């Protein structure tokens, strides 16, 4: 079996690609501006990380069974990825937002200083993660053998 015929690889890759494309569409509707750059950024609706890991977990459950050690491992990894997206990465994004405000205030007072802004959109809201997980389940159930 080649990698491109492997449903454990192809199905999550498709789920990730659909989630990334959905971000471009979603942001284009919200901002009234089309930006392909959105494909390469973190955060946003839906979570592509969640779509990827949940579709992988779903396809493993479908093809190997939900009682297997591989499914249990995939389920735990999915939970860790989704928790990280809404917890640690989101908190880091919120901290970056506060630091950027402090830097902006400092630069207003001291015109000669230049500092690159920190990326603020790192994590996801719970809704974005849930949307990614639902997309992953739908893709995992709809594709594969």
Protein backbone atom coordinates (compact mmCIF):
# COMPACT_ATOMS: atom_id res chain seq x y z
CA UNK A 1 0.00 0.00 0.00
CA UNK A 2 1.43 3.39 -0.96
CA UNK A 3 1.05 6.41 1.25
CA UNK A 4 -1.47 8.05 -1.10
CA UNK A 5 -3.63 4.91 -0.93
CA UNK A 6 -3.47 4.82 2.85
CA UNK A 7 -6.78 6.06 4.33
CA UNK A 8 -5.08 6.78 7.66
CA UNK A 9 -3.00 9.39 5.82
CA UNK A 10 -5.32 10.58 3.04
CA UNK A 11 -8.51 11.12 5.07
CA UNK A 12 -6.88 13.39 7.69
CA UNK A 13 -5.04 15.25 4.92
CA UNK A 14 -8.34 15.89 3.13
CA UNK A 15 -9.99 17.03 6.39
CA UNK A 16 -7.08 19.41 7.04
CA UNK A 17 -7.24 20.81 3.48
CA UNK A 18 -11.01 21.36 3.68
CA UNK A 19 -10.64 23.10 7.06
CA UNK A 20 -7.88 25.36 5.72
CA UNK A 21 -9.93 26.24 2.63
CA UNK A 22 -12.93 26.90 4.87
CA UNK A 23 -10.87 29.43 6.85
CA UNK A 24 -10.22 31.41 3.67
CA UNK A 25 -13.90 31.37 2.77
CA UNK A 26 -15.01 32.19 6.34
CA UNK A 27 -12.57 35.09 6.68
CA UNK A 28 -13.40 36.38 3.19
CA UNK A 29 -17.07 36.58 4.12
CA UNK A 30 -16.35 38.28 7.46
CA UNK A 31 -13.78 40.78 6.17
CA UNK A 32 -15.20 41.24 2.65
CA UNK A 33 -11.66 40.64 1.39
CA UNK A 34 -10.14 37.51 -0.15
CA UNK A 35 -6.75 36.52 1.28
CA UNK A 36 -4.91 33.34 0.37
CA UNK A 37 -2.41 34.16 3.14
CA UNK A 38 -5.01 32.81 5.57
CA UNK A 39 -4.01 29.31 4.43
CA UNK A 40 -0.69 29.65 6.24
CA UNK A 41 -1.83 31.17 9.54
CA UNK A 42 -2.84 29.57 12.82
CA UNK A 43 -6.21 29.98 14.50
CA UNK A 44 -9.53 30.71 12.90
CA UNK A 45 -12.74 28.90 11.99
CA UNK A 46 -12.70 25.89 11.86
CA UNK A 47 -9.68 24.44 13.63
CA UNK A 48 -7.72 22.49 11.02
CA UNK A 49 -5.70 20.76 13.74
CA UNK A 50 -8.92 19.47 15.28
CA UNK A 51 -10.28 18.40 11.89
CA UNK A 52 -7.06 16.51 11.16
CA UNK A 53 -6.76 14.60 14.44
CA UNK A 54 -10.47 13.87 14.81
CA UNK A 55 -10.73 12.57 11.23
CA UNK A 56 -7.71 10.37 11.94
CA UNK A 57 -9.34 9.07 15.12
CA UNK A 58 -12.63 8.50 13.28
CA UNK A 59 -11.03 6.57 10.41
CA UNK A 60 -9.06 4.43 12.88
CA UNK A 61 -12.28 3.70 14.76
CA UNK A 62 -14.06 2.81 11.52
CA UNK A 63 -11.35 0.57 10.09
CA UNK A 64 -9.70 -0.88 13.20
CA UNK A 65 -12.51 -0.69 15.74
CA UNK A 66 -13.05 1.48 18.77
CA UNK A 67 -11.78 -1.21 21.13
CA UNK A 68 -8.24 -1.20 19.75
CA UNK A 69 -5.18 0.32 21.42
CA UNK A 70 -4.58 2.41 18.27
CA UNK A 71 -8.02 4.02 18.56
CA UNK A 72 -7.43 4.76 22.26
CA UNK A 73 -4.09 6.39 21.43
CA UNK A 74 -5.63 8.47 18.63
CA UNK A 75 -8.51 9.55 20.88
CA UNK A 76 -6.11 10.68 23.61
CA UNK A 77 -3.96 12.56 21.09
CA UNK A 78 -7.06 14.26 19.67
CA UNK A 79 -8.09 15.39 23.14
CA UNK A 80 -4.59 16.76 23.84
CA UNK A 81 -4.47 18.67 20.53
CA UNK A 82 -7.93 20.18 21.05
CA UNK A 83 -7.19 21.09 24.67
CA UNK A 84 -3.92 22.72 23.62
CA UNK A 85 -5.67 24.72 20.88
CA UNK A 86 -8.22 26.21 23.29
CA UNK A 87 -5.95 26.41 26.32
CA UNK A 88 -2.23 26.98 25.96
CA UNK A 89 -2.16 28.36 22.41
CA UNK A 90 -5.17 30.62 23.02
CA UNK A 91 -3.61 31.97 26.22
CA UNK A 92 -0.35 32.65 24.36
CA UNK A 93 -2.32 34.61 21.73
CA UNK A 94 -4.05 36.66 24.42
CA UNK A 95 -0.69 37.41 26.05
CA UNK A 96 0.70 38.48 22.65
CA UNK A 97 -2.24 40.87 22.27
CA UNK A 98 -1.49 42.49 25.64
CA UNK A 99 2.23 42.70 24.88
CA UNK A 100 1.51 44.30 21.51
CA UNK A 101 -0.60 46.96 23.22
CA UNK A 102 2.20 47.66 25.70
CA UNK A 103 4.74 47.85 22.86
CA UNK A 104 2.46 50.22 20.91
CA UNK A 105 2.16 52.48 23.96
CA UNK A 106 5.93 52.43 24.46
CA UNK A 107 6.60 53.25 20.80
CA UNK A 108 4.25 56.22 20.90
CA UNK A 109 6.37 57.63 23.73
CA UNK A 110 9.72 56.69 22.12
CA UNK A 111 9.50 57.16 18.35
CA UNK A 112 12.98 55.78 17.55
CA UNK A 113 12.29 52.24 18.81
CA UNK A 114 11.13 49.55 16.40
CA UNK A 115 9.81 46.17 17.51
CA UNK A 116 8.05 43.55 15.39
CA UNK A 117 4.53 42.78 16.55
CA UNK A 118 3.83 39.37 18.05
CA UNK A 119 1.33 37.04 16.37
CA UNK A 120 -1.94 37.23 18.26
CA UNK A 121 -4.01 34.59 16.50
CA UNK A 122 -2.42 31.39 17.77
CA UNK A 123 -5.20 29.38 19.34
CA UNK A 124 -8.88 28.74 18.90
CA UNK A 125 -12.14 29.46 20.63
CA UNK A 126 -14.02 26.37 21.80
CA UNK A 127 -16.52 26.87 18.94
CA UNK A 128 -13.72 26.80 16.35
CA UNK A 129 -12.36 23.57 17.86
CA UNK A 130 -15.83 21.98 17.98
CA UNK A 131 -16.43 22.97 14.35
CA UNK A 132 -13.09 21.39 13.37
CA UNK A 133 -13.93 18.24 15.32
CA UNK A 134 -17.35 17.95 13.66
CA UNK A 135 -15.74 18.45 10.25
CA UNK A 136 -13.23 15.72 11.14
CA UNK A 137 -15.96 13.29 12.13
CA UNK A 138 -17.97 13.98 8.98
CA UNK A 139 -14.91 13.54 6.73
CA UNK A 140 -13.78 10.44 8.66
CA UNK A 141 -17.19 8.81 8.34
CA UNK A 142 -17.73 9.89 4.75
CA UNK A 143 -14.38 8.87 3.27
CA UNK A 144 -12.23 5.78 3.39
CA UNK A 145 -13.08 2.18 2.87
